[in-house]
Structure formats: structure tokens, C-alpha cells
Amino acid sequence: MTHESFPAPTDRPAPLFGTLLTAMVTVFHEDRSVDLEATAALAVQLVDDGCDGLVVCGTTGEYSTMTDKENLSVFRAVKDAVGGRVPLLAGTGSNDTEHSRYLCLEAEKIGMDGLLVVTPYYNKPTQAGVEAHFRSLADSVDTPIMMYDIPGRSGIPIEPETMISLASHPNLVAVKDAKADFVAASRVMAETDLVFYSGDDGLTLPWMAIGAAGLVGVTTHVDTARYRRMIDAVLASDLETARRLNAELLPLVRATMTRVPGAVAAKTILQWQDRLPNAVVRLPHVAPTHTELEQIRADLSTSVIADSLTN
């Protein structure tokens, strides 16, 4: 078999939504109102540092504690700041199909490039219900949808058979997978054109090894450039470099994703890096305890971003 049978990485079409997406935090004022200016400024930073896509008002963006009006205002602010530079996905998921439809349609009017729709949570519908939910939303819009499979939060998975069936819909184009069933995902990738993204920051390298396009991450807030280099190394088939960068990123993943909720940790670290005016979150999230802060500090104390922690 000749090398001509395998297209070089640079010859492959770029994924619709990019390869390094940050599920970005929403910045609040001290009174917990939305700080649109600071949120837009963060979006610019992330793109400047190497993100080629952003998710706006996802889980890390605390969308579930924001009003529809607030979510839509953040969509507009980020669109105004970086729209046209990178694809922007709006978090429009809900466990109420009609509510999600409203958000999808409003995001489409604003001109968002994609929609991130999570599995309907809490209700625990059957797989037939899950499929009907996604199909109904996809029928309502022209904007492409990334399905978000995260059974740890939603209570149910999107089973491989359901995903394979959903792939026949032209508007259902991608999956953010936080389930990490590599065998099931490999089957779906082999049998469909769905583009997979790692939904687990620490598993990005193995995800890409089996065919994922990249990452939708949270730790990517705090060292975007290093994640950019790791993903580029994988795409260039430079496994040695990718492994080294992955090892360097692991303490950051531990600090951001294992001590407190990702939104809380990301805001805390960004404030330490003097990149956010505060680390305010909305209830039921709360600020880290003294012990949790010490754990996060310890994780980062000898990490590759230790010198960036000015606060």
C-alpha cells in the first residue's frame, strides 16, 4: 500500500467547528450580574491564544443559572467580539424540548455558527425519546448541531444505535463525548460521518488517537497555547511531542477538573493569572474553600503555568 492511500493531515478538510474549542466561562460582576464586556474580552484572549472555536453558555458558562435574556445577550456579545474569526456554538440544551427549541431559534437569529445540545437531563427519557428530542430540534433549524453526550450529568447516555440513527439527519453533525466509551465511539465513527470531540480534558490525546477531531475543554482557559500545540502535534502525527505536552497539561487538568466544579476552578485560576476581574459564580456554585484553594495551588505550584499565577 502506498502513502497515497492516506491523505496527509494538512490535506484533510478542517472540521466544521475547529479542533480546539473552549467551553468558556461567563464573567459576572461582583453583584452577580453578567459582565458582557469582560466575557467578550475573554473570548478575544482565547481566540488570540489559539482557540479555533468557542462554546458560549454551556455548562461551564453557567447557562442553567442564567435567564434566557442573559444567555442571548452573551451570545450577542461574543458574536460581536470574535464572530467571523472562529465558529461559535451556542449552548441551547434543556430537558424541555420546546424551551430548547426557543433557544436554538433565537441563537440562529443571532447568527451563531452551531448549537451545542445536551442530552435531556433529569427526565430520563427512553432512547426513542432522546432520538425524538434531537430530531425535533434539528428539524427546526438550519444551524448545525453538536450533540453533547454526558451521562454523568444527564443521567442517561446517547446509545450507539441512537447516535447512528441520528447521524442520518443533515443538521446533526458532531458529538461532544464526555462518556469515554472508546469502543462505542469507535463504532459510531466507523459507521457515520459524525465528528467527535473529547469532552474530557484529560483524555484528549487518546480521543484523538481513535479519530476525534479535537477537544471542547475547560482547562483550555488556563493554557490555551499548550493545548493548541498538543492538538497540532497529534494532527501532524508527532506522537512524541503530543505525549510530552499531554504530560505537562495533566497537573492543570487535575487543578481545573477534580477539586471543584470546572467553572469555579477556571474562574479562580484565571483570576490568579490576572485575566479576570474576579472569580464570582452563581449559586448553587460557591467559591472554593480554603482547603480546596490549597489543593488547586498545590496542583499548579510546579506546573508549566506556575509563573503565570500573579495573585
C-alpha atoms as a PDB file:
ATOM      1  CA  MET A   1       0.000   0.000   0.000  1.00  0.00           C
ATOM      2  CA  THR A   2       1.428   3.388  -0.947  1.00  0.00           C
ATOM      3  CA  HIS A   3       1.428   6.537   1.113  1.00  0.00           C
ATOM      4  CA  GLU A   4      -1.023   7.974  -1.419  1.00  0.00           C
ATOM      5  CA  SER A   5      -3.732   5.884   0.242  1.00  0.00           C
ATOM      6  CA  PHE A   6      -3.551   8.090   3.328  1.00  0.00           C
ATOM      7  CA  PRO A   7      -4.090  11.844   2.980  1.00  0.00           C
ATOM      8  CA  ALA A   8      -1.576  13.960   4.854  1.00  0.00           C
ATOM      9  CA  PRO A   9      -3.012  15.797   7.869  1.00  0.00           C
ATOM     10  CA  THR A  10      -2.762  19.109   6.057  1.00  0.00           C
ATOM     11  CA  ASP A  11      -4.859  17.686   3.196  1.00  0.00           C
ATOM     12  CA  ARG A  12      -7.822  16.779   5.383  1.00  0.00           C
ATOM     13  CA  PRO A  13     -10.693  19.245   5.447  1.00  0.00           C
ATOM     14  CA  ALA A  14     -10.825  21.275   8.636  1.00  0.00           C
ATOM     15  CA  PRO A  15     -13.625  20.188  10.988  1.00  0.00           C
ATOM     16  CA  LEU A  16     -16.664  22.432  10.782  1.00  0.00           C
ATOM     17  CA  PHE A  17     -16.289  23.651  14.360  1.00  0.00           C
ATOM     18  CA  GLY A  18     -12.485  23.673  14.600  1.00  0.00           C
ATOM     19  CA  THR A  19     -10.202  21.453  16.679  1.00  0.00           C
ATOM     20  CA  LEU A  20      -9.608  23.401  19.914  1.00  0.00           C
ATOM     21  CA  LEU A  21     -12.759  24.824  21.454  1.00  0.00           C
ATOM     22  CA  THR A  22     -13.061  26.304  24.917  1.00  0.00           C
ATOM     23  CA  ALA A  23     -16.399  25.960  26.690  1.00  0.00           C
ATOM     24  CA  MET A  24     -15.936  29.418  28.080  1.00  0.00           C
ATOM     25  CA  VAL A  25     -16.978  30.819  31.433  1.00  0.00           C
ATOM     26  CA  THR A  26     -19.438  33.673  31.680  1.00  0.00           C
ATOM     27  CA  VAL A  27     -17.937  36.519  33.684  1.00  0.00           C
ATOM     28  CA  PHE A  28     -20.096  38.159  36.350  1.00  0.00           C
ATOM     29  CA  HIS A  29     -19.838  41.435  38.210  1.00  0.00           C
ATOM     30  CA  GLU A  30     -19.463  41.370  41.984  1.00  0.00           C
ATOM     31  CA  ASP A  31     -23.260  41.637  42.271  1.00  0.00           C
ATOM     32  CA  ARG A  32     -23.528  38.514  40.049  1.00  0.00           C
ATOM     33  CA  SER A  33     -24.973  40.358  37.070  1.00  0.00           C
ATOM     34  CA  VAL A  34     -23.477  39.389  33.706  1.00  0.00           C
ATOM     35  CA  ASP A  35     -20.320  41.268  32.739  1.00  0.00           C
ATOM     36  CA  LEU A  36     -20.652  41.309  28.966  1.00  0.00           C
ATOM     37  CA  GLU A  37     -17.525  43.408  28.429  1.00  0.00           C
ATOM     38  CA  ALA A  38     -15.258  41.078  30.406  1.00  0.00           C
ATOM     39  CA  THR A  39     -16.827  37.999  28.811  1.00  0.00           C
ATOM     40  CA  ALA A  40     -16.214  39.401  25.341  1.00  0.00           C
ATOM     41  CA  ALA A  41     -12.629  40.308  26.279  1.00  0.00           C
ATOM     42  CA  LEU A  42     -12.018  36.748  27.460  1.00  0.00           C
ATOM     43  CA  ALA A  43     -13.335  35.424  24.148  1.00  0.00           C
ATOM     44  CA  VAL A  44     -10.815  37.597  22.307  1.00  0.00           C
ATOM     45  CA  GLN A  45      -7.987  36.310  24.538  1.00  0.00           C
ATOM     46  CA  LEU A  46      -8.925  32.686  23.925  1.00  0.00           C
ATOM     47  CA  VAL A  47      -9.019  33.122  20.167  1.00  0.00           C
ATOM     48  CA  ASP A  48      -5.777  35.106  20.143  1.00  0.00           C
ATOM     49  CA  ASP A  49      -4.113  32.300  22.116  1.00  0.00           C
ATOM     50  CA  GLY A  50      -5.134  29.533  19.729  1.00  0.00           C
ATOM     51  CA  CYS A  51      -8.768  28.502  20.075  1.00  0.00           C
ATOM     52  CA  ASP A  52     -10.356  27.958  16.670  1.00  0.00           C
ATOM     53  CA  GLY A  53     -13.840  27.634  18.147  1.00  0.00           C
ATOM     54  CA  LEU A  54     -15.768  28.595  21.290  1.00  0.00           C
ATOM     55  CA  VAL A  55     -18.789  27.242  23.135  1.00  0.00           C
ATOM     56  CA  VAL A  56     -20.820  30.033  24.706  1.00  0.00           C
ATOM     57  CA  CYS A  57     -23.161  29.457  27.654  1.00  0.00           C
ATOM     58  CA  GLY A  58     -22.544  25.771  28.090  1.00  0.00           C
ATOM     59  CA  THR A  59     -22.234  24.030  31.447  1.00  0.00           C
ATOM     60  CA  THR A  60     -19.055  25.940  32.293  1.00  0.00           C
ATOM     61  CA  GLY A  61     -20.765  29.126  31.164  1.00  0.00           C
ATOM     62  CA  GLU A  62     -23.334  28.597  33.947  1.00  0.00           C
ATOM     63  CA  TYR A  63     -26.192  28.841  31.463  1.00  0.00           C
ATOM     64  CA  SER A  64     -28.548  26.945  33.754  1.00  0.00           C
ATOM     65  CA  THR A  65     -28.432  29.728  36.364  1.00  0.00           C
ATOM     66  CA  MET A  66     -28.956  32.463  33.780  1.00  0.00           C
ATOM     67  CA  THR A  67     -32.165  33.758  32.248  1.00  0.00           C
ATOM     68  CA  ASP A  68     -32.881  33.331  28.555  1.00  0.00           C
ATOM     69  CA  LYS A  69     -32.367  37.064  28.133  1.00  0.00           C
ATOM     70  CA  GLU A  70     -28.936  36.828  29.765  1.00  0.00           C
ATOM     71  CA  ASN A  71     -27.885  33.836  27.675  1.00  0.00           C
ATOM     72  CA  LEU A  72     -28.912  35.547  24.461  1.00  0.00           C
ATOM     73  CA  SER A  73     -27.064  38.708  25.480  1.00  0.00           C
ATOM     74  CA  VAL A  74     -23.876  36.681  25.960  1.00  0.00           C
ATOM     75  CA  PHE A  75     -24.334  35.059  22.542  1.00  0.00           C
ATOM     76  CA  ARG A  76     -24.519  38.542  21.003  1.00  0.00           C
ATOM     77  CA  ALA A  77     -21.565  39.924  22.954  1.00  0.00           C
ATOM     78  CA  VAL A  78     -19.248  37.064  21.979  1.00  0.00           C
ATOM     79  CA  LYS A  79     -20.519  37.143  18.402  1.00  0.00           C
ATOM     80  CA  ASP A  80     -19.720  40.857  18.230  1.00  0.00           C
ATOM     81  CA  ALA A  81     -16.258  40.263  19.705  1.00  0.00           C
ATOM     82  CA  VAL A  82     -14.972  37.296  17.680  1.00  0.00           C
ATOM     83  CA  GLY A  83     -17.683  36.347  15.215  1.00  0.00           C
ATOM     84  CA  GLY A  84     -16.171  35.655  11.816  1.00  0.00           C
ATOM     85  CA  ARG A  85     -12.809  34.727  13.341  1.00  0.00           C
ATOM     86  CA  VAL A  86     -13.836  31.316  14.693  1.00  0.00           C
ATOM     87  CA  PRO A  87     -17.005  29.181  14.798  1.00  0.00           C
ATOM     88  CA  LEU A  88     -19.213  29.962  17.791  1.00  0.00           C
ATOM     89  CA  LEU A  89     -21.506  27.351  19.300  1.00  0.00           C
ATOM     90  CA  ALA A  90     -24.408  28.405  21.493  1.00  0.00           C
ATOM     91  CA  GLY A  91     -25.376  26.227  24.428  1.00  0.00           C
ATOM     92  CA  THR A  92     -29.094  25.717  23.831  1.00  0.00           C
ATOM     93  CA  GLY A  93     -29.784  22.434  25.605  1.00  0.00           C
ATOM     94  CA  SER A  94     -32.570  21.798  28.077  1.00  0.00           C
ATOM     95  CA  ASN A  95     -34.660  18.940  29.404  1.00  0.00           C
ATOM     96  CA  ASP A  96     -37.662  20.728  27.896  1.00  0.00           C
ATOM     97  CA  THR A  97     -37.675  20.263  24.131  1.00  0.00           C
ATOM     98  CA  GLU A  98     -39.802  23.357  23.497  1.00  0.00           C
ATOM     99  CA  HIS A  99     -37.558  25.550  25.657  1.00  0.00           C
ATOM    100  CA  SER A 100     -34.520  24.226  23.842  1.00  0.00           C
ATOM    101  CA  ARG A 101     -36.222  24.881  20.513  1.00  0.00           C
ATOM    102  CA  TYR A 102     -36.791  28.511  21.502  1.00  0.00           C
ATOM    103  CA  LEU A 103     -33.113  28.947  22.412  1.00  0.00           C
ATOM    104  CA  CYS A 104     -31.980  27.220  19.203  1.00  0.00           C
ATOM    105  CA  LEU A 105     -34.134  29.509  17.066  1.00  0.00           C
ATOM    106  CA  GLU A 106     -33.008  32.645  18.905  1.00  0.00           C
ATOM    107  CA  ALA A 107     -29.343  31.629  18.624  1.00  0.00           C
ATOM    108  CA  GLU A 108     -29.848  31.067  14.911  1.00  0.00           C
ATOM    109  CA  LYS A 109     -31.324  34.561  14.541  1.00  0.00           C
ATOM    110  CA  ILE A 110     -28.243  35.999  16.265  1.00  0.00           C
ATOM    111  CA  GLY A 111     -26.064  34.204  13.743  1.00  0.00           C
ATOM    112  CA  MET A 112     -24.310  31.626  15.901  1.00  0.00           C
ATOM    113  CA  ASP A 113     -22.426  29.062  13.828  1.00  0.00           C
ATOM    114  CA  GLY A 114     -23.521  25.979  15.728  1.00  0.00           C
ATOM    115  CA  LEU A 115     -25.651  24.736  18.602  1.00  0.00           C
ATOM    116  CA  LEU A 116     -24.490  22.567  21.496  1.00  0.00           C
ATOM    117  CA  VAL A 117     -27.444  20.486  22.672  1.00  0.00           C
ATOM    118  CA  VAL A 118     -27.089  18.268  25.717  1.00  0.00           C
ATOM    119  CA  THR A 119     -28.991  15.028  26.269  1.00  0.00           C
ATOM    120  CA  PRO A 120     -32.254  15.896  28.044  1.00  0.00           C
ATOM    121  CA  TYR A 121     -31.377  15.568  31.702  1.00  0.00           C
ATOM    122  CA  TYR A 122     -33.359  14.641  34.829  1.00  0.00           C
ATOM    123  CA  ASN A 123     -36.400  13.395  32.859  1.00  0.00           C
ATOM    124  CA  LYS A 124     -34.503  10.235  31.830  1.00  0.00           C
ATOM    125  CA  PRO A 125     -36.451   9.581  28.612  1.00  0.00           C
ATOM    126  CA  THR A 126     -36.137   6.330  26.689  1.00  0.00           C
ATOM    127  CA  GLN A 127     -33.743   6.185  23.745  1.00  0.00           C
ATOM    128  CA  ALA A 128     -36.767   6.727  21.498  1.00  0.00           C
ATOM    129  CA  GLY A 129     -37.429   9.924  23.440  1.00  0.00           C
ATOM    130  CA  VAL A 130     -33.786  11.003  23.192  1.00  0.00           C
ATOM    131  CA  GLU A 131     -33.864  10.491  19.427  1.00  0.00           C
ATOM    132  CA  ALA A 132     -37.169  12.332  19.062  1.00  0.00           C
ATOM    133  CA  HIS A 133     -35.778  15.265  21.091  1.00  0.00           C
ATOM    134  CA  PHE A 134     -32.705  15.715  18.904  1.00  0.00           C
ATOM    135  CA  ARG A 135     -34.580  15.156  15.639  1.00  0.00           C
ATOM    136  CA  SER A 136     -37.281  17.636  16.579  1.00  0.00           C
ATOM    137  CA  LEU A 137     -34.697  20.319  17.310  1.00  0.00           C
ATOM    138  CA  ALA A 138     -32.682  19.550  14.186  1.00  0.00           C
ATOM    139  CA  ASP A 139     -35.859  19.823  12.093  1.00  0.00           C
ATOM    140  CA  SER A 140     -36.471  23.313  13.488  1.00  0.00           C
ATOM    141  CA  VAL A 141     -33.211  24.988  12.454  1.00  0.00           C
ATOM    142  CA  ASP A 142     -30.704  25.191   9.634  1.00  0.00           C
ATOM    143  CA  THR A 143     -27.787  25.657  12.043  1.00  0.00           C
ATOM    144  CA  PRO A 144     -25.645  22.532  12.579  1.00  0.00           C
ATOM    145  CA  ILE A 145     -25.897  20.816  15.956  1.00  0.00           C
ATOM    146  CA  MET A 146     -23.263  19.213  18.157  1.00  0.00           C
ATOM    147  CA  MET A 147     -24.864  16.643  20.453  1.00  0.00           C
ATOM    148  CA  TYR A 148     -23.491  16.533  23.994  1.00  0.00           C
ATOM    149  CA  ASP A 149     -23.327  13.046  25.486  1.00  0.00           C
ATOM    150  CA  ILE A 150     -22.614  13.351  29.215  1.00  0.00           C
ATOM    151  CA  PRO A 151     -24.470  10.663  31.170  1.00  0.00           C
ATOM    152  CA  GLY A 152     -22.734  11.640  34.405  1.00  0.00           C
ATOM    153  CA  ARG A 153     -24.788  14.845  34.382  1.00  0.00           C
ATOM    154  CA  SER A 154     -27.811  13.915  32.259  1.00  0.00           C
ATOM    155  CA  GLY A 155     -28.423  10.542  33.895  1.00  0.00           C
ATOM    156  CA  ILE A 156     -28.660   8.720  30.558  1.00  0.00           C
ATOM    157  CA  PRO A 157     -26.328   8.153  27.609  1.00  0.00           C
ATOM    158  CA  ILE A 158     -26.969   8.500  23.926  1.00  0.00           C
ATOM    159  CA  GLU A 159     -26.611   4.844  23.000  1.00  0.00           C
ATOM    160  CA  PRO A 160     -24.543   3.974  19.903  1.00  0.00           C
ATOM    161  CA  GLU A 161     -27.584   2.747  17.986  1.00  0.00           C
ATOM    162  CA  THR A 162     -29.396   6.016  18.713  1.00  0.00           C
ATOM    163  CA  MET A 163     -26.402   8.061  17.616  1.00  0.00           C
ATOM    164  CA  ILE A 164     -26.007   6.061  14.417  1.00  0.00           C
ATOM    165  CA  SER A 165     -29.673   6.659  13.597  1.00  0.00           C
ATOM    166  CA  LEU A 166     -29.424  10.373  14.402  1.00  0.00           C
ATOM    167  CA  ALA A 167     -26.429  10.721  12.098  1.00  0.00           C
ATOM    168  CA  SER A 168     -28.791  10.431   9.139  1.00  0.00           C
ATOM    169  CA  HIS A 169     -30.126  13.920   9.911  1.00  0.00           C
ATOM    170  CA  PRO A 170     -28.134  16.528   7.961  1.00  0.00           C
ATOM    171  CA  ASN A 171     -28.165  19.045  10.832  1.00  0.00           C
ATOM    172  CA  LEU A 172     -26.781  16.612  13.433  1.00  0.00           C
ATOM    173  CA  VAL A 173     -23.104  16.746  12.596  1.00  0.00           C
ATOM    174  CA  ALA A 174     -20.946  16.348  15.700  1.00  0.00           C
ATOM    175  CA  VAL A 175     -20.693  14.882  19.205  1.00  0.00           C
ATOM    176  CA  LYS A 176     -19.053  16.201  22.343  1.00  0.00           C
ATOM    177  CA  ASP A 177     -18.403  12.968  24.223  1.00  0.00           C
ATOM    178  CA  ALA A 178     -17.931  13.024  27.996  1.00  0.00           C
ATOM    179  CA  LYS A 179     -18.772   9.339  28.312  1.00  0.00           C
ATOM    180  CA  ALA A 180     -15.386   7.980  27.218  1.00  0.00           C
ATOM    181  CA  ASP A 181     -16.670   4.666  25.904  1.00  0.00           C
ATOM    182  CA  PHE A 182     -13.976   4.388  23.267  1.00  0.00           C
ATOM    183  CA  VAL A 183     -15.307   1.136  21.803  1.00  0.00           C
ATOM    184  CA  ALA A 184     -18.797   2.545  21.312  1.00  0.00           C
ATOM    185  CA  ALA A 185     -17.433   5.815  19.918  1.00  0.00           C
ATOM    186  CA  SER A 186     -15.135   3.966  17.517  1.00  0.00           C
ATOM    187  CA  ARG A 187     -18.147   2.088  16.173  1.00  0.00           C
ATOM    188  CA  VAL A 188     -20.118   5.300  15.663  1.00  0.00           C
ATOM    189  CA  MET A 189     -17.184   6.980  13.929  1.00  0.00           C
ATOM    190  CA  ALA A 190     -16.722   3.935  11.680  1.00  0.00           C
ATOM    191  CA  GLU A 191     -20.392   3.791  10.688  1.00  0.00           C
ATOM    192  CA  THR A 192     -21.254   7.510  10.413  1.00  0.00           C
ATOM    193  CA  ASP A 193     -19.821  10.883   9.424  1.00  0.00           C
ATOM    194  CA  LEU A 194     -20.348  12.349  12.901  1.00  0.00           C
ATOM    195  CA  VAL A 195     -17.349  14.394  14.046  1.00  0.00           C
ATOM    196  CA  PHE A 196     -16.346  13.556  17.619  1.00  0.00           C
ATOM    197  CA  TYR A 197     -14.768  15.883  20.170  1.00  0.00           C
ATOM    198  CA  SER A 198     -13.280  14.947  23.504  1.00  0.00           C
ATOM    199  CA  GLY A 199     -15.463  16.210  26.322  1.00  0.00           C
ATOM    200  CA  ASP A 200     -12.888  15.178  28.909  1.00  0.00           C
ATOM    201  CA  ASP A 201      -9.825  17.424  29.030  1.00  0.00           C
ATOM    202  CA  GLY A 202      -7.509  14.715  30.345  1.00  0.00           C
ATOM    203  CA  LEU A 203      -8.470  12.226  27.629  1.00  0.00           C
ATOM    204  CA  THR A 204      -7.899  14.418  24.593  1.00  0.00           C
ATOM    205  CA  LEU A 205      -4.842  12.519  23.394  1.00  0.00           C
ATOM    206  CA  PRO A 206      -6.466   9.054  23.437  1.00  0.00           C
ATOM    207  CA  TRP A 207      -9.644  10.515  21.957  1.00  0.00           C
ATOM    208  CA  MET A 208      -7.726  11.935  19.025  1.00  0.00           C
ATOM    209  CA  ALA A 209      -5.852   8.651  18.642  1.00  0.00           C
ATOM    210  CA  ILE A 210      -9.139   6.918  17.789  1.00  0.00           C
ATOM    211  CA  GLY A 211     -10.290   9.642  15.439  1.00  0.00           C
ATOM    212  CA  ALA A 212     -11.742  12.586  17.367  1.00  0.00           C
ATOM    213  CA  ALA A 213     -11.237  15.968  15.725  1.00  0.00           C
ATOM    214  CA  GLY A 214     -10.139  17.705  18.903  1.00  0.00           C
ATOM    215  CA  LEU A 215     -11.361  18.988  22.248  1.00  0.00           C
ATOM    216  CA  VAL A 216     -14.154  21.031  23.759  1.00  0.00           C
ATOM    217  CA  GLY A 217     -12.413  21.884  27.002  1.00  0.00           C
ATOM    218  CA  VAL A 218     -12.360  23.858  30.230  1.00  0.00           C
ATOM    219  CA  THR A 219      -8.686  23.559  31.202  1.00  0.00           C
ATOM    220  CA  THR A 220      -8.064  25.197  27.831  1.00  0.00           C
ATOM    221  CA  HIS A 221      -8.865  28.525  29.520  1.00  0.00           C
ATOM    222  CA  VAL A 222      -5.659  28.486  31.544  1.00  0.00           C
ATOM    223  CA  ASP A 223      -3.103  27.289  28.971  1.00  0.00           C
ATOM    224  CA  THR A 224      -4.700  27.621  25.567  1.00  0.00           C
ATOM    225  CA  ALA A 225      -1.395  27.779  23.717  1.00  0.00           C
ATOM    226  CA  ARG A 226      -0.127  24.452  25.081  1.00  0.00           C
ATOM    227  CA  TYR A 227      -3.374  22.701  24.155  1.00  0.00           C
ATOM    228  CA  ARG A 228      -3.043  24.238  20.697  1.00  0.00           C
ATOM    229  CA  ARG A 229       0.450  22.786  20.350  1.00  0.00           C
ATOM    230  CA  MET A 230      -0.630  19.349  21.586  1.00  0.00           C
ATOM    231  CA  ILE A 231      -3.545  19.119  19.178  1.00  0.00           C
ATOM    232  CA  ASP A 232      -1.380  20.355  16.315  1.00  0.00           C
ATOM    233  CA  ALA A 233       1.240  17.738  17.206  1.00  0.00           C
ATOM    234  CA  VAL A 234      -1.365  14.985  17.012  1.00  0.00           C
ATOM    235  CA  LEU A 235      -2.610  16.265  13.672  1.00  0.00           C
ATOM    236  CA  ALA A 236       0.996  16.300  12.432  1.00  0.00           C
ATOM    237  CA  SER A 237       1.477  12.690  13.658  1.00  0.00           C
ATOM    238  CA  ASP A 238       4.159  13.876  16.093  1.00  0.00           C
ATOM    239  CA  LEU A 239       3.265  11.495  18.909  1.00  0.00           C
ATOM    240  CA  GLU A 240       6.406  12.158  20.945  1.00  0.00           C
ATOM    241  CA  THR A 241       5.646  15.874  21.189  1.00  0.00           C
ATOM    242  CA  ALA A 242       1.963  15.236  21.864  1.00  0.00           C
ATOM    243  CA  ARG A 243       2.796  12.877  24.732  1.00  0.00           C
ATOM    244  CA  ARG A 244       5.178  15.370  26.298  1.00  0.00           C
ATOM    245  CA  LEU A 245       2.654  18.197  26.119  1.00  0.00           C
ATOM    246  CA  ASN A 246      -0.095  15.938  27.440  1.00  0.00           C
ATOM    247  CA  ALA A 247       2.041  15.094  30.478  1.00  0.00           C
ATOM    248  CA  GLU A 248       2.708  18.793  31.075  1.00  0.00           C
ATOM    249  CA  LEU A 249      -1.017  19.526  30.985  1.00  0.00           C
ATOM    250  CA  LEU A 250      -2.092  16.828  33.452  1.00  0.00           C
ATOM    251  CA  PRO A 251      -1.499  18.920  36.624  1.00  0.00           C
ATOM    252  CA  LEU A 252      -3.626  21.667  35.069  1.00  0.00           C
ATOM    253  CA  VAL A 253      -6.407  19.184  34.372  1.00  0.00           C
ATOM    254  CA  ARG A 254      -6.207  17.971  37.959  1.00  0.00           C
ATOM    255  CA  ALA A 255      -6.427  21.530  39.291  1.00  0.00           C
ATOM    256  CA  THR A 256      -9.244  22.592  36.987  1.00  0.00           C
ATOM    257  CA  MET A 257     -11.403  19.490  36.816  1.00  0.00           C
ATOM    258  CA  THR A 258     -11.038  17.434  40.004  1.00  0.00           C
ATOM    259  CA  ARG A 259     -11.086  19.730  43.040  1.00  0.00           C
ATOM    260  CA  VAL A 260     -14.218  21.832  42.490  1.00  0.00           C
ATOM    261  CA  PRO A 261     -16.599  22.260  39.522  1.00  0.00           C
ATOM    262  CA  GLY A 262     -14.820  23.337  36.363  1.00  0.00           C
ATOM    263  CA  ALA A 263     -16.478  26.750  36.172  1.00  0.00           C
ATOM    264  CA  VAL A 264     -15.401  27.530  39.725  1.00  0.00           C
ATOM    265  CA  ALA A 265     -11.821  26.363  39.227  1.00  0.00           C
ATOM    266  CA  ALA A 266     -11.389  28.007  35.826  1.00  0.00           C
ATOM    267  CA  LYS A 267     -12.541  31.378  37.144  1.00  0.00           C
ATOM    268  CA  THR A 268     -10.317  31.051  40.204  1.00  0.00           C
ATOM    269  CA  ILE A 269      -7.223  30.256  38.139  1.00  0.00           C
ATOM    270  CA  LEU A 270      -7.992  32.940  35.556  1.00  0.00           C
ATOM    271  CA  GLN A 271      -8.205  35.489  38.355  1.00  0.00           C
ATOM    272  CA  TRP A 272      -4.855  34.249  39.714  1.00  0.00           C
ATOM    273  CA  GLN A 273      -3.482  34.799  36.203  1.00  0.00           C
ATOM    274  CA  ASP A 274      -4.851  38.369  36.328  1.00  0.00           C
ATOM    275  CA  ARG A 275      -7.088  37.619  33.347  1.00  0.00           C
ATOM    276  CA  LEU A 276     -10.461  38.065  35.082  1.00  0.00           C
ATOM    277  CA  PRO A 277     -11.545  40.850  37.424  1.00  0.00           C
ATOM    278  CA  ASN A 278     -12.994  38.332  39.889  1.00  0.00           C
ATOM    279  CA  ALA A 279     -13.979  34.685  40.277  1.00  0.00           C
ATOM    280  CA  VAL A 280     -17.658  35.261  41.024  1.00  0.00           C
ATOM    281  CA  VAL A 281     -20.021  32.335  40.361  1.00  0.00           C
ATOM    282  CA  ARG A 282     -23.754  31.969  40.836  1.00  0.00           C
ATOM    283  CA  LEU A 283     -25.470  29.672  43.287  1.00  0.00           C
ATOM    284  CA  PRO A 284     -25.580  26.752  43.657  1.00  0.00           C
ATOM    285  CA  HIS A 285     -21.866  27.132  42.827  1.00  0.00           C
ATOM    286  CA  VAL A 286     -19.832  28.695  45.610  1.00  0.00           C
ATOM    287  CA  ALA A 287     -16.251  29.870  45.942  1.00  0.00           C
ATOM    288  CA  PRO A 288     -13.686  27.185  46.835  1.00  0.00           C
ATOM    289  CA  THR A 289     -13.000  26.566  50.498  1.00  0.00           C
ATOM    290  CA  HIS A 290      -9.581  27.307  51.953  1.00  0.00           C
ATOM    291  CA  THR A 291      -8.689  23.622  51.711  1.00  0.00           C
ATOM    292  CA  GLU A 292      -9.816  23.423  48.088  1.00  0.00           C
ATOM    293  CA  LEU A 293      -7.823  26.524  47.210  1.00  0.00           C
ATOM    294  CA  GLU A 294      -4.730  24.973  48.784  1.00  0.00           C
ATOM    295  CA  GLN A 295      -5.257  21.820  46.711  1.00  0.00           C
ATOM    296  CA  ILE A 296      -5.568  23.805  43.494  1.00  0.00           C
ATOM    297  CA  ARG A 297      -2.496  25.871  44.377  1.00  0.00           C
ATOM    298  CA  ALA A 298      -0.532  22.705  45.138  1.00  0.00           C
ATOM    299  CA  ASP A 299      -1.516  21.167  41.802  1.00  0.00           C
ATOM    300  CA  LEU A 300      -0.258  24.250  39.982  1.00  0.00           C
ATOM    301  CA  SER A 301       2.763  25.086  42.131  1.00  0.00           C
ATOM    302  CA  THR A 302       5.265  23.199  39.974  1.00  0.00           C
ATOM    303  CA  SER A 303       3.192  23.163  36.783  1.00  0.00           C
ATOM    304  CA  VAL A 304       4.002  24.779  33.458  1.00  0.00           C
ATOM    305  CA  ILE A 305       1.767  27.757  34.313  1.00  0.00           C
ATOM    306  CA  ALA A 306       3.167  28.358  37.818  1.00  0.00           C
ATOM    307  CA  ASP A 307       4.907  31.556  36.715  1.00  0.00           C
ATOM    308  CA  SER A 308       1.645  32.975  35.351  1.00  0.00           C
ATOM    309  CA  LEU A 309      -0.059  32.949  38.759  1.00  0.00           C
ATOM    310  CA  THR A 310       0.381  36.534  39.865  1.00  0.00           C
ATOM    311  CA  ASN A 311      -2.355  36.657  42.525  1.00  0.00           C
END
